[in-house]
Amino acid sequence: MVYIALCALILGIIFGQFVLDSTWHDLCSELADYVLYLLMFSVGISVGMNESIIEKIKNYNLTILLIPIGVIIGSVFGGFICSYIFDMNLVYSLSIGASMGWYSLSGVMLESLANAQIGTIAFLSSLMREFIAFMMIPVLIKYLNTYAAIAAAGATSEDSTLPMLIKYSSEEFIIISVINGVLCSVAVPILINFFFPHYKLIKKAVTLRNSLCYSFYFLYNTC
């Protein structure tokens, strides 16, 4: 399945680059939406016909929110770490991390709020996250668990990576996947818009953290 999907993606890139003209873009996007709707409808039928799945989902209660909360915190923290690794502006790095795979929105937003370079980086990083998640979902489900695969997909777990999750997991996890994707998608514009107006506050917090770290390091060495 993974190799077929990869071959289909490469074949699509070749056709898009050398065979088809720009008029096919809107048609393919619209067709992909309808295929996704049909897929969601079929999953809904499977869930509705299986009462045990509905009972399991009810038993999750608020714990079902732990995955999107973890994805959001982990993505933002990843952006925080990358700001030091690549010596990047902290707000830019946090915003790129907060994109969580939603390349179409994050690229446009960060190009508008920052510049074209940051918008391009956000677009490519989110696109790579989606592509890597698409390839890694079977591996993560096999060697870890389905929750890890959903977390890796980020905001894309409700649409583009959903077919792979449907293929390699059960209907019970599909509902969780959609909820995760929806909540992560809602969080993307909120987080990006939060980071930019609060740049000075974030910078002060990081400066304070660095000062405390240096102070503890100095005290430890002197003792």
N, C-alpha and C. Protein backbone atom coordinates (compact mmCIF):
# COMPACT_ATOMS: atom_id res chain seq x y z
N MET A 1 0.83 -1.21 0.00
CA MET A 1 0.00 0.00 0.00
C MET A 1 0.86 1.26 0.00
N VAL A 2 1.92 1.26 0.83
CA VAL A 2 2.79 2.43 0.92
C VAL A 2 3.51 2.66 -0.41
N TYR A 3 4.01 1.58 -1.00
CA TYR A 3 4.74 1.71 -2.26
C TYR A 3 3.82 2.15 -3.40
N ILE A 4 2.60 1.63 -3.37
CA ILE A 4 1.62 2.05 -4.39
C ILE A 4 1.30 3.53 -4.24
N ALA A 5 1.10 3.96 -2.99
CA ALA A 5 0.80 5.37 -2.73
C ALA A 5 1.97 6.26 -3.16
N LEU A 6 3.20 5.82 -2.86
CA LEU A 6 4.37 6.60 -3.25
C LEU A 6 4.51 6.69 -4.76
N CYS A 7 4.28 5.58 -5.44
CA CYS A 7 4.33 5.57 -6.92
C CYS A 7 3.25 6.47 -7.51
N ALA A 8 2.06 6.41 -6.90
CA ALA A 8 0.96 7.27 -7.38
C ALA A 8 1.30 8.74 -7.20
N LEU A 9 1.94 9.08 -6.07
CA LEU A 9 2.34 10.47 -5.83
C LEU A 9 3.38 10.93 -6.84
N ILE A 10 4.38 10.11 -7.07
CA ILE A 10 5.43 10.47 -8.04
C ILE A 10 4.86 10.60 -9.45
N LEU A 11 3.96 9.67 -9.80
CA LEU A 11 3.32 9.72 -11.11
C LEU A 11 2.48 10.99 -11.26
N GLY A 12 1.79 11.37 -10.17
CA GLY A 12 1.00 12.59 -10.20
C GLY A 12 1.87 13.83 -10.38
N ILE A 13 3.03 13.85 -9.72
CA ILE A 13 3.95 14.98 -9.87
C ILE A 13 4.44 15.08 -11.32
N ILE A 14 4.75 13.95 -11.92
CA ILE A 14 5.22 13.94 -13.32
C ILE A 14 4.13 14.45 -14.26
N PHE A 15 2.90 13.95 -14.05
CA PHE A 15 1.80 14.39 -14.90
C PHE A 15 1.52 15.88 -14.71
N GLY A 16 1.55 16.33 -13.45
CA GLY A 16 1.30 17.74 -13.18
C GLY A 16 2.35 18.66 -13.77
N GLN A 17 3.58 18.17 -13.83
CA GLN A 17 4.69 18.99 -14.31
C GLN A 17 4.80 19.00 -15.83
N PHE A 18 4.55 17.86 -16.46
CA PHE A 18 4.88 17.73 -17.88
C PHE A 18 3.69 17.44 -18.80
N VAL A 19 2.57 16.95 -18.26
CA VAL A 19 1.48 16.51 -19.12
C VAL A 19 0.27 17.43 -19.04
N LEU A 20 -0.24 17.68 -17.84
CA LEU A 20 -1.48 18.43 -17.66
C LEU A 20 -1.21 19.92 -17.55
N ASP A 21 -2.22 20.73 -17.97
CA ASP A 21 -2.09 22.18 -17.82
C ASP A 21 -2.77 22.63 -16.52
N SER A 22 -2.74 23.93 -16.28
CA SER A 22 -3.22 24.48 -15.01
C SER A 22 -4.72 24.31 -14.81
N THR A 23 -5.48 24.11 -15.88
CA THR A 23 -6.94 23.97 -15.74
C THR A 23 -7.33 22.69 -15.01
N TRP A 24 -6.42 21.73 -14.97
CA TRP A 24 -6.71 20.47 -14.28
C TRP A 24 -6.59 20.61 -12.77
N HIS A 25 -5.93 21.65 -12.29
CA HIS A 25 -5.67 21.79 -10.85
C HIS A 25 -6.97 21.88 -10.05
N ASP A 26 -7.87 22.79 -10.48
CA ASP A 26 -9.14 22.96 -9.76
C ASP A 26 -9.99 21.70 -9.84
N LEU A 27 -9.97 21.05 -11.01
CA LEU A 27 -10.76 19.82 -11.18
C LEU A 27 -10.26 18.72 -10.25
N CYS A 28 -8.94 18.56 -10.17
CA CYS A 28 -8.37 17.53 -9.29
C CYS A 28 -8.66 17.83 -7.82
N SER A 29 -8.58 19.10 -7.45
CA SER A 29 -8.85 19.47 -6.05
C SER A 29 -10.30 19.19 -5.69
N GLU A 30 -11.21 19.53 -6.60
CA GLU A 30 -12.63 19.29 -6.36
C GLU A 30 -12.92 17.79 -6.31
N LEU A 31 -12.30 17.03 -7.22
CA LEU A 31 -12.49 15.59 -7.23
C LEU A 31 -11.96 14.94 -5.94
N ALA A 32 -10.80 15.43 -5.47
CA ALA A 32 -10.22 14.90 -4.22
C ALA A 32 -11.15 15.15 -3.04
N ASP A 33 -11.79 16.32 -3.04
CA ASP A 33 -12.74 16.62 -1.96
C ASP A 33 -13.91 15.65 -1.96
N TYR A 34 -14.45 15.37 -3.13
CA TYR A 34 -15.60 14.46 -3.21
C TYR A 34 -15.21 13.03 -2.82
N VAL A 35 -14.00 12.62 -3.20
CA VAL A 35 -13.53 11.29 -2.81
C VAL A 35 -13.38 11.20 -1.29
N LEU A 36 -12.87 12.28 -0.69
CA LEU A 36 -12.73 12.31 0.76
C LEU A 36 -14.09 12.26 1.45
N TYR A 37 -15.07 13.00 0.91
CA TYR A 37 -16.42 12.98 1.48
C TYR A 37 -17.01 11.57 1.42
N LEU A 38 -16.80 10.91 0.29
CA LEU A 38 -17.31 9.54 0.13
C LEU A 38 -16.64 8.60 1.13
N LEU A 39 -15.35 8.80 1.31
CA LEU A 39 -14.60 7.98 2.26
C LEU A 39 -15.11 8.20 3.69
N MET A 40 -15.34 9.45 4.05
CA MET A 40 -15.87 9.77 5.38
C MET A 40 -17.26 9.18 5.57
N PHE A 41 -18.07 9.21 4.52
CA PHE A 41 -19.43 8.66 4.58
C PHE A 41 -19.39 7.16 4.83
N SER A 42 -18.47 6.47 4.15
CA SER A 42 -18.36 5.02 4.33
C SER A 42 -17.86 4.67 5.73
N VAL A 43 -16.94 5.49 6.26
CA VAL A 43 -16.48 5.27 7.63
C VAL A 43 -17.61 5.51 8.62
N GLY A 44 -18.41 6.55 8.37
CA GLY A 44 -19.55 6.84 9.23
C GLY A 44 -20.55 5.69 9.26
N ILE A 45 -20.78 5.08 8.12
CA ILE A 45 -21.68 3.92 8.06
C ILE A 45 -21.13 2.77 8.91
N SER A 46 -19.82 2.51 8.78
CA SER A 46 -19.19 1.42 9.54
C SER A 46 -19.28 1.67 11.04
N VAL A 47 -19.06 2.94 11.44
CA VAL A 47 -19.14 3.28 12.86
C VAL A 47 -20.57 3.16 13.37
N GLY A 48 -21.52 3.66 12.58
CA GLY A 48 -22.92 3.61 12.99
C GLY A 48 -23.46 2.19 13.11
N MET A 49 -22.93 1.27 12.32
CA MET A 49 -23.39 -0.12 12.36
C MET A 49 -22.72 -0.93 13.46
N ASN A 50 -21.69 -0.36 14.07
CA ASN A 50 -20.96 -1.06 15.13
C ASN A 50 -21.18 -0.32 16.45
N GLU A 51 -22.11 -0.81 17.26
CA GLU A 51 -22.44 -0.13 18.51
C GLU A 51 -21.29 -0.15 19.51
N SER A 52 -20.46 -1.16 19.47
CA SER A 52 -19.35 -1.26 20.42
C SER A 52 -18.35 -0.11 20.24
N ILE A 53 -18.18 0.34 18.98
CA ILE A 53 -17.27 1.45 18.72
C ILE A 53 -17.80 2.72 19.35
N ILE A 54 -19.10 2.97 19.19
CA ILE A 54 -19.71 4.16 19.77
C ILE A 54 -19.57 4.15 21.29
N GLU A 55 -19.74 2.99 21.90
CA GLU A 55 -19.60 2.88 23.36
C GLU A 55 -18.16 3.17 23.79
N LYS A 56 -17.20 2.67 23.02
CA LYS A 56 -15.79 2.92 23.34
C LYS A 56 -15.47 4.41 23.26
N ILE A 57 -16.00 5.07 22.22
CA ILE A 57 -15.75 6.50 22.05
C ILE A 57 -16.36 7.30 23.20
N LYS A 58 -17.54 6.88 23.66
CA LYS A 58 -18.18 7.55 24.80
C LYS A 58 -17.35 7.40 26.06
N ASN A 59 -16.69 6.27 26.21
CA ASN A 59 -15.89 6.01 27.41
C ASN A 59 -14.61 6.85 27.45
N TYR A 60 -14.20 7.38 26.32
CA TYR A 60 -12.99 8.21 26.31
C TYR A 60 -13.18 9.51 27.09
N ASN A 61 -14.38 10.08 27.01
CA ASN A 61 -14.67 11.37 27.66
C ASN A 61 -13.65 12.42 27.22
N LEU A 62 -13.09 13.14 28.18
CA LEU A 62 -12.15 14.21 27.86
C LEU A 62 -10.76 13.70 27.50
N THR A 63 -10.50 12.42 27.76
CA THR A 63 -9.17 11.87 27.43
C THR A 63 -8.91 11.87 25.93
N ILE A 64 -9.98 11.99 25.15
CA ILE A 64 -9.82 12.03 23.69
C ILE A 64 -9.10 13.31 23.26
N LEU A 65 -9.07 14.31 24.15
CA LEU A 65 -8.41 15.58 23.85
C LEU A 65 -6.91 15.54 24.10
N LEU A 66 -6.43 14.48 24.75
CA LEU A 66 -5.01 14.40 25.09
C LEU A 66 -4.12 14.36 23.85
N ILE A 67 -4.59 13.68 22.79
CA ILE A 67 -3.76 13.59 21.58
C ILE A 67 -3.57 14.95 20.92
N PRO A 68 -4.65 15.70 20.60
CA PRO A 68 -4.41 17.02 20.00
C PRO A 68 -3.64 17.97 20.90
N ILE A 69 -3.87 17.90 22.22
CA ILE A 69 -3.11 18.76 23.15
C ILE A 69 -1.63 18.40 23.08
N GLY A 70 -1.34 17.10 23.08
CA GLY A 70 0.05 16.65 22.97
C GLY A 70 0.68 17.03 21.65
N VAL A 71 -0.09 16.93 20.56
CA VAL A 71 0.42 17.31 19.23
C VAL A 71 0.75 18.79 19.19
N ILE A 72 -0.12 19.61 19.74
CA ILE A 72 0.09 21.06 19.74
C ILE A 72 1.32 21.43 20.56
N ILE A 73 1.41 20.88 21.77
CA ILE A 73 2.55 21.18 22.64
C ILE A 73 3.85 20.69 22.00
N GLY A 74 3.83 19.46 21.48
CA GLY A 74 5.03 18.90 20.86
C GLY A 74 5.47 19.67 19.63
N SER A 75 4.53 20.10 18.81
CA SER A 75 4.87 20.85 17.59
C SER A 75 5.48 22.20 17.92
N VAL A 76 4.88 22.89 18.88
CA VAL A 76 5.40 24.20 19.29
C VAL A 76 6.77 24.05 19.95
N PHE A 77 6.92 23.04 20.78
CA PHE A 77 8.21 22.80 21.43
C PHE A 77 9.28 22.45 20.39
N GLY A 78 8.89 21.70 19.36
CA GLY A 78 9.82 21.41 18.27
C GLY A 78 10.29 22.67 17.58
N GLY A 79 9.36 23.61 17.37
CA GLY A 79 9.74 24.90 16.80
C GLY A 79 10.67 25.67 17.71
N PHE A 80 10.44 25.57 19.02
CA PHE A 80 11.31 26.23 20.00
C PHE A 80 12.73 25.68 19.93
N ILE A 81 12.87 24.36 19.86
CA ILE A 81 14.19 23.73 19.77
C ILE A 81 14.89 24.11 18.47
N CYS A 82 14.12 24.12 17.37
CA CYS A 82 14.71 24.43 16.06
C CYS A 82 15.20 25.87 15.98
N SER A 83 14.59 26.76 16.76
CA SER A 83 15.05 28.15 16.75
C SER A 83 16.49 28.27 17.22
N TYR A 84 16.90 27.39 18.13
CA TYR A 84 18.28 27.38 18.62
C TYR A 84 19.20 26.60 17.68
N ILE A 85 18.68 25.51 17.14
CA ILE A 85 19.52 24.69 16.25
C ILE A 85 19.89 25.46 14.99
N PHE A 86 18.91 26.16 14.41
CA PHE A 86 19.12 26.85 13.13
C PHE A 86 19.32 28.36 13.31
N ASP A 87 19.40 28.82 14.58
CA ASP A 87 19.61 30.24 14.87
C ASP A 87 18.55 31.10 14.16
N MET A 88 17.30 30.72 14.32
CA MET A 88 16.18 31.40 13.67
C MET A 88 15.42 32.27 14.67
N ASN A 89 14.80 33.30 14.17
CA ASN A 89 13.92 34.12 15.00
C ASN A 89 12.91 33.23 15.73
N LEU A 90 12.78 33.42 17.05
CA LEU A 90 11.97 32.52 17.86
C LEU A 90 10.51 32.51 17.42
N VAL A 91 9.93 33.66 17.17
CA VAL A 91 8.52 33.73 16.78
C VAL A 91 8.30 33.04 15.44
N TYR A 92 9.21 33.24 14.50
CA TYR A 92 9.10 32.55 13.22
C TYR A 92 9.14 31.04 13.41
N SER A 93 10.10 30.59 14.22
CA SER A 93 10.26 29.15 14.44
C SER A 93 9.06 28.55 15.15
N LEU A 94 8.55 29.24 16.16
CA LEU A 94 7.35 28.76 16.86
C LEU A 94 6.15 28.69 15.92
N SER A 95 6.01 29.69 15.08
CA SER A 95 4.89 29.73 14.14
C SER A 95 4.98 28.62 13.11
N ILE A 96 6.18 28.34 12.63
CA ILE A 96 6.38 27.25 11.68
C ILE A 96 6.06 25.91 12.33
N GLY A 97 6.51 25.74 13.58
CA GLY A 97 6.18 24.52 14.32
C GLY A 97 4.69 24.36 14.55
N ALA A 98 4.02 25.49 14.79
CA ALA A 98 2.58 25.47 15.05
C ALA A 98 1.75 25.22 13.80
N SER A 99 2.39 25.16 12.64
CA SER A 99 1.65 24.91 11.39
C SER A 99 1.06 23.51 11.36
N MET A 100 1.75 22.55 11.96
CA MET A 100 1.25 21.18 12.16
C MET A 100 0.77 20.49 10.89
N GLY A 101 1.40 20.80 9.77
CA GLY A 101 1.07 20.12 8.53
C GLY A 101 0.10 20.84 7.63
N TRP A 102 -0.49 21.94 8.09
CA TRP A 102 -1.46 22.66 7.27
C TRP A 102 -0.70 23.67 6.40
N TYR A 103 -0.12 23.17 5.32
CA TYR A 103 0.78 23.98 4.50
C TYR A 103 0.06 25.09 3.75
N SER A 104 -1.16 24.85 3.30
CA SER A 104 -1.87 25.85 2.49
C SER A 104 -2.19 27.10 3.29
N LEU A 105 -2.47 26.95 4.58
CA LEU A 105 -2.78 28.12 5.41
C LEU A 105 -1.51 28.74 5.99
N SER A 106 -0.65 27.92 6.57
CA SER A 106 0.52 28.46 7.26
C SER A 106 1.45 29.22 6.32
N GLY A 107 1.61 28.70 5.10
CA GLY A 107 2.47 29.38 4.14
C GLY A 107 1.97 30.77 3.81
N VAL A 108 0.67 30.90 3.58
CA VAL A 108 0.08 32.20 3.24
C VAL A 108 0.12 33.14 4.44
N MET A 109 -0.23 32.63 5.62
CA MET A 109 -0.26 33.47 6.82
C MET A 109 1.12 34.02 7.16
N LEU A 110 2.12 33.15 7.14
CA LEU A 110 3.46 33.59 7.52
C LEU A 110 4.12 34.46 6.44
N GLU A 111 3.72 34.26 5.21
CA GLU A 111 4.21 35.17 4.16
C GLU A 111 3.66 36.57 4.40
N SER A 112 2.39 36.63 4.85
CA SER A 112 1.76 37.92 5.11
C SER A 112 2.29 38.57 6.40
N LEU A 113 2.46 37.76 7.45
CA LEU A 113 2.89 38.30 8.74
C LEU A 113 4.40 38.55 8.80
N ALA A 114 5.18 37.74 8.10
CA ALA A 114 6.64 37.86 8.14
C ALA A 114 7.18 38.27 6.78
N ASN A 115 7.54 37.29 5.97
CA ASN A 115 8.05 37.56 4.63
C ASN A 115 7.93 36.30 3.78
N ALA A 116 8.28 36.41 2.51
CA ALA A 116 8.12 35.29 1.59
C ALA A 116 9.01 34.11 1.96
N GLN A 117 10.20 34.40 2.49
CA GLN A 117 11.12 33.31 2.86
C GLN A 117 10.53 32.45 3.98
N ILE A 118 10.01 33.10 5.02
CA ILE A 118 9.42 32.37 6.14
C ILE A 118 8.16 31.63 5.70
N GLY A 119 7.38 32.26 4.84
CA GLY A 119 6.20 31.59 4.30
C GLY A 119 6.55 30.34 3.52
N THR A 120 7.62 30.41 2.75
CA THR A 120 8.07 29.25 1.98
C THR A 120 8.57 28.14 2.89
N ILE A 121 9.32 28.51 3.93
CA ILE A 121 9.81 27.51 4.89
C ILE A 121 8.64 26.83 5.59
N ALA A 122 7.64 27.62 5.99
CA ALA A 122 6.45 27.05 6.65
C ALA A 122 5.71 26.11 5.71
N PHE A 123 5.59 26.52 4.46
CA PHE A 123 4.92 25.67 3.47
C PHE A 123 5.65 24.35 3.29
N LEU A 124 6.96 24.42 3.11
CA LEU A 124 7.74 23.20 2.85
C LEU A 124 7.81 22.30 4.07
N SER A 125 7.95 22.87 5.27
CA SER A 125 8.02 22.05 6.47
C SER A 125 6.70 21.32 6.72
N SER A 126 5.59 22.01 6.50
CA SER A 126 4.28 21.37 6.68
C SER A 126 4.04 20.31 5.61
N LEU A 127 4.47 20.62 4.39
CA LEU A 127 4.32 19.65 3.31
C LEU A 127 5.16 18.39 3.58
N MET A 128 6.37 18.58 4.09
CA MET A 128 7.22 17.44 4.42
C MET A 128 6.64 16.64 5.58
N ARG A 129 6.03 17.33 6.54
CA ARG A 129 5.41 16.61 7.66
C ARG A 129 4.28 15.72 7.15
N GLU A 130 3.47 16.27 6.26
CA GLU A 130 2.37 15.48 5.70
C GLU A 130 2.90 14.28 4.91
N PHE A 131 3.93 14.52 4.11
CA PHE A 131 4.48 13.44 3.28
C PHE A 131 5.13 12.35 4.14
N ILE A 132 5.92 12.77 5.14
CA ILE A 132 6.58 11.79 6.02
C ILE A 132 5.54 11.02 6.83
N ALA A 133 4.52 11.72 7.33
CA ALA A 133 3.45 11.04 8.09
C ALA A 133 2.74 10.02 7.21
N PHE A 134 2.48 10.40 5.97
CA PHE A 134 1.81 9.50 5.04
C PHE A 134 2.59 8.21 4.84
N MET A 135 3.91 8.33 4.77
CA MET A 135 4.77 7.17 4.57
C MET A 135 4.98 6.37 5.86
N MET A 136 4.98 7.07 7.00
CA MET A 136 5.33 6.43 8.27
C MET A 136 4.15 5.85 9.03
N ILE A 137 2.92 6.19 8.64
CA ILE A 137 1.74 5.70 9.37
C ILE A 137 1.73 4.18 9.52
N PRO A 138 1.95 3.40 8.45
CA PRO A 138 1.97 1.93 8.63
C PRO A 138 3.05 1.46 9.60
N VAL A 139 4.21 2.10 9.55
CA VAL A 139 5.33 1.71 10.42
C VAL A 139 5.01 2.03 11.88
N LEU A 140 4.47 3.22 12.11
CA LEU A 140 4.14 3.64 13.48
C LEU A 140 3.06 2.76 14.09
N ILE A 141 2.06 2.44 13.30
CA ILE A 141 0.98 1.58 13.80
C ILE A 141 1.50 0.18 14.11
N LYS A 142 2.40 -0.31 13.27
CA LYS A 142 2.92 -1.67 13.46
C LYS A 142 3.84 -1.78 14.66
N TYR A 143 4.75 -0.80 14.83
CA TYR A 143 5.78 -0.92 15.86
C TYR A 143 5.49 -0.11 17.12
N LEU A 144 4.61 0.89 17.04
CA LEU A 144 4.22 1.65 18.23
C LEU A 144 2.73 1.45 18.49
N ASN A 145 1.92 2.41 18.07
CA ASN A 145 0.47 2.28 18.18
C ASN A 145 -0.20 3.30 17.26
N THR A 146 -1.51 3.21 17.18
CA THR A 146 -2.26 4.10 16.28
C THR A 146 -2.22 5.55 16.75
N TYR A 147 -2.16 5.75 18.07
CA TYR A 147 -2.10 7.11 18.60
C TYR A 147 -0.86 7.84 18.09
N ALA A 148 0.27 7.14 18.02
CA ALA A 148 1.50 7.74 17.51
C ALA A 148 1.34 8.16 16.05
N ALA A 149 0.65 7.34 15.27
CA ALA A 149 0.43 7.65 13.85
C ALA A 149 -0.48 8.87 13.70
N ILE A 150 -1.51 8.95 14.53
CA ILE A 150 -2.42 10.11 14.49
C ILE A 150 -1.66 11.38 14.88
N ALA A 151 -0.83 11.28 15.91
CA ALA A 151 -0.06 12.44 16.36
C ALA A 151 0.90 12.91 15.28
N ALA A 152 1.54 11.97 14.59
CA ALA A 152 2.48 12.34 13.53
C ALA A 152 1.78 13.07 12.39
N ALA A 153 0.53 12.70 12.12
CA ALA A 153 -0.21 13.34 11.03
C ALA A 153 -0.58 14.78 11.34
N GLY A 154 -0.73 15.12 12.61
CA GLY A 154 -1.06 16.49 12.99
C GLY A 154 -2.42 16.93 12.46
N ALA A 155 -2.44 18.12 11.88
CA ALA A 155 -3.70 18.67 11.36
C ALA A 155 -4.21 17.91 10.14
N THR A 156 -3.35 17.13 9.50
CA THR A 156 -3.76 16.41 8.29
C THR A 156 -4.49 15.10 8.59
N SER A 157 -4.63 14.75 9.87
CA SER A 157 -5.27 13.47 10.21
C SER A 157 -6.76 13.46 9.90
N GLU A 158 -7.32 14.62 9.55
CA GLU A 158 -8.74 14.66 9.19
C GLU A 158 -8.96 14.61 7.68
N ASP A 159 -7.91 14.72 6.89
CA ASP A 159 -8.14 14.73 5.44
C ASP A 159 -7.09 13.94 4.66
N SER A 160 -5.94 14.53 4.37
CA SER A 160 -5.02 13.91 3.41
C SER A 160 -4.40 12.61 3.90
N THR A 161 -4.09 12.50 5.20
CA THR A 161 -3.52 11.25 5.72
C THR A 161 -4.58 10.30 6.24
N LEU A 162 -5.83 10.71 6.19
CA LEU A 162 -6.92 9.86 6.70
C LEU A 162 -7.04 8.53 5.95
N PRO A 163 -6.89 8.49 4.62
CA PRO A 163 -6.98 7.18 3.94
C PRO A 163 -5.98 6.15 4.46
N MET A 164 -4.75 6.58 4.77
CA MET A 164 -3.77 5.65 5.31
C MET A 164 -4.16 5.18 6.70
N LEU A 165 -4.71 6.07 7.51
CA LEU A 165 -5.15 5.70 8.85
C LEU A 165 -6.33 4.73 8.78
N ILE A 166 -7.21 4.94 7.82
CA ILE A 166 -8.35 4.03 7.62
C ILE A 166 -7.85 2.65 7.20
N LYS A 167 -6.84 2.65 6.33
CA LYS A 167 -6.31 1.39 5.81
C LYS A 167 -5.67 0.55 6.91
N TYR A 168 -4.94 1.18 7.83
CA TYR A 168 -4.12 0.43 8.78
C TYR A 168 -4.64 0.44 10.22
N SER A 169 -5.80 1.07 10.47
CA SER A 169 -6.35 1.06 11.81
C SER A 169 -7.84 0.73 11.75
N SER A 170 -8.51 0.79 12.89
CA SER A 170 -9.93 0.45 12.96
C SER A 170 -10.80 1.70 12.97
N GLU A 171 -12.11 1.51 12.85
CA GLU A 171 -13.05 2.62 12.82
C GLU A 171 -13.01 3.43 14.11
N GLU A 172 -12.72 2.77 15.21
CA GLU A 172 -12.64 3.45 16.50
C GLU A 172 -11.62 4.59 16.46
N PHE A 173 -10.48 4.35 15.83
CA PHE A 173 -9.42 5.35 15.79
C PHE A 173 -9.67 6.40 14.72
N ILE A 174 -10.50 6.11 13.75
CA ILE A 174 -10.79 7.09 12.70
C ILE A 174 -11.52 8.30 13.29
N ILE A 175 -12.46 8.04 14.19
CA ILE A 175 -13.16 9.15 14.85
C ILE A 175 -12.17 10.01 15.63
N ILE A 176 -11.27 9.36 16.36
CA ILE A 176 -10.25 10.08 17.12
C ILE A 176 -9.35 10.88 16.18
N SER A 177 -9.02 10.29 15.04
CA SER A 177 -8.18 10.95 14.06
C SER A 177 -8.83 12.22 13.52
N VAL A 178 -10.11 12.13 13.21
CA VAL A 178 -10.83 13.30 12.68
C VAL A 178 -10.91 14.40 13.73
N ILE A 179 -11.21 14.03 14.97
CA ILE A 179 -11.28 15.01 16.06
C ILE A 179 -9.92 15.68 16.25
N ASN A 180 -8.86 14.88 16.22
CA ASN A 180 -7.51 15.44 16.35
C ASN A 180 -7.22 16.43 15.22
N GLY A 181 -7.55 16.05 13.99
CA GLY A 181 -7.29 16.92 12.85
C GLY A 181 -8.06 18.23 12.93
N VAL A 182 -9.32 18.15 13.35
CA VAL A 182 -10.15 19.35 13.45
C VAL A 182 -9.59 20.30 14.51
N LEU A 183 -9.27 19.79 15.69
CA LEU A 183 -8.77 20.63 16.78
C LEU A 183 -7.41 21.22 16.45
N CYS A 184 -6.54 20.43 15.83
CA CYS A 184 -5.23 20.95 15.43
C CYS A 184 -5.37 22.03 14.35
N SER A 185 -6.30 21.82 13.42
CA SER A 185 -6.53 22.81 12.37
C SER A 185 -7.05 24.12 12.94
N VAL A 186 -7.93 24.03 13.93
CA VAL A 186 -8.45 25.23 14.59
C VAL A 186 -7.32 25.96 15.32
N ALA A 187 -6.39 25.20 15.89
CA ALA A 187 -5.32 25.79 16.69
C ALA A 187 -4.28 26.51 15.84
N VAL A 188 -4.11 26.10 14.58
CA VAL A 188 -3.04 26.67 13.74
C VAL A 188 -3.15 28.19 13.60
N PRO A 189 -4.27 28.75 13.09
CA PRO A 189 -4.33 30.22 12.95
C PRO A 189 -4.33 30.94 14.30
N ILE A 190 -4.89 30.31 15.34
CA ILE A 190 -4.91 30.93 16.66
C ILE A 190 -3.49 31.09 17.20
N LEU A 191 -2.69 30.03 17.10
CA LEU A 191 -1.32 30.07 17.61
C LEU A 191 -0.44 31.04 16.82
N ILE A 192 -0.56 30.98 15.50
CA ILE A 192 0.28 31.87 14.68
C ILE A 192 -0.05 33.33 14.97
N ASN A 193 -1.34 33.65 15.07
CA ASN A 193 -1.73 35.02 15.38
C ASN A 193 -1.38 35.42 16.81
N PHE A 194 -1.25 34.43 17.69
CA PHE A 194 -0.86 34.73 19.08
C PHE A 194 0.63 35.05 19.18
N PHE A 195 1.46 34.30 18.47
CA PHE A 195 2.90 34.47 18.61
C PHE A 195 3.40 35.83 18.14
N PHE A 196 2.85 36.35 17.05
CA PHE A 196 3.38 37.58 16.49
C PHE A 196 3.10 38.82 17.34
N PRO A 197 1.86 39.05 17.84
CA PRO A 197 1.66 40.23 18.69
C PRO A 197 2.38 40.12 20.04
N HIS A 198 2.70 38.90 20.49
CA HIS A 198 3.33 38.71 21.79
C HIS A 198 4.82 38.41 21.65
N TYR A 199 5.42 38.92 20.60
CA TYR A 199 6.83 38.65 20.36
C TYR A 199 7.71 39.13 21.51
N LYS A 200 7.47 40.36 21.98
CA LYS A 200 8.30 40.93 23.04
C LYS A 200 8.15 40.14 24.34
N LEU A 201 6.91 39.72 24.64
CA LEU A 201 6.67 38.94 25.85
C LEU A 201 7.39 37.59 25.79
N ILE A 202 7.32 36.93 24.64
CA ILE A 202 8.00 35.64 24.46
C ILE A 202 9.51 35.82 24.57
N LYS A 203 10.03 36.90 23.97
CA LYS A 203 11.46 37.15 24.02
C LYS A 203 11.93 37.39 25.45
N LYS A 204 11.13 38.13 26.24
CA LYS A 204 11.48 38.36 27.64
C LYS A 204 11.48 37.07 28.43
N ALA A 205 10.48 36.21 28.17
CA ALA A 205 10.38 34.93 28.87
C ALA A 205 11.60 34.05 28.57
N VAL A 206 12.02 34.03 27.31
CA VAL A 206 13.19 33.23 26.92
C VAL A 206 14.45 33.81 27.53
N THR A 207 14.57 35.14 27.55
CA THR A 207 15.73 35.79 28.16
C THR A 207 15.82 35.47 29.64
N LEU A 208 14.66 35.50 30.32
CA LEU A 208 14.61 35.16 31.74
C LEU A 208 15.01 33.71 31.97
N ARG A 209 14.53 32.82 31.09
CA ARG A 209 14.88 31.40 31.22
C ARG A 209 16.38 31.20 31.03
N ASN A 210 16.96 31.88 30.04
CA ASN A 210 18.40 31.76 29.80
C ASN A 210 19.21 32.29 30.99
N SER A 211 18.74 33.39 31.57
CA SER A 211 19.44 33.97 32.72
C SER A 211 19.42 33.01 33.90
N LEU A 212 18.26 32.39 34.13
CA LEU A 212 18.15 31.42 35.22
C LEU A 212 19.05 30.22 34.99
N CYS A 213 19.09 29.74 33.75
CA CYS A 213 19.95 28.60 33.42
C CYS A 213 21.42 28.93 33.65
N TYR A 214 21.85 30.11 33.21
CA TYR A 214 23.24 30.51 33.41
C TYR A 214 23.55 30.67 34.90
N SER A 215 22.58 31.19 35.66
CA SER A 215 22.78 31.38 37.10
C SER A 215 22.96 30.05 37.80
N PHE A 216 22.08 29.09 37.48
CA PHE A 216 22.19 27.77 38.09
C PHE A 216 23.50 27.08 37.67
N TYR A 217 23.88 27.28 36.42
CA TYR A 217 25.13 26.68 35.93
C TYR A 217 26.33 27.26 36.66
N PHE A 218 26.31 28.59 36.88
CA PHE A 218 27.41 29.26 37.59
C PHE A 218 27.48 28.80 39.04
N LEU A 219 26.32 28.71 39.71
CA LEU A 219 26.30 28.27 41.10
C LEU A 219 26.77 26.83 41.23
N TYR A 220 26.38 26.01 40.27
CA TYR A 220 26.78 24.59 40.31
C TYR A 220 28.29 24.45 40.17
N ASN A 221 28.89 25.23 39.27
CA ASN A 221 30.34 25.14 39.04
C ASN A 221 31.14 25.72 40.21
N THR A 222 30.62 26.78 40.81
CA THR A 222 31.33 27.39 41.92
C THR A 222 31.27 26.52 43.18
N CYS A 223 30.16 25.77 43.32
CA CYS A 223 30.03 24.87 44.46
C CYS A 223 30.85 23.61 44.23
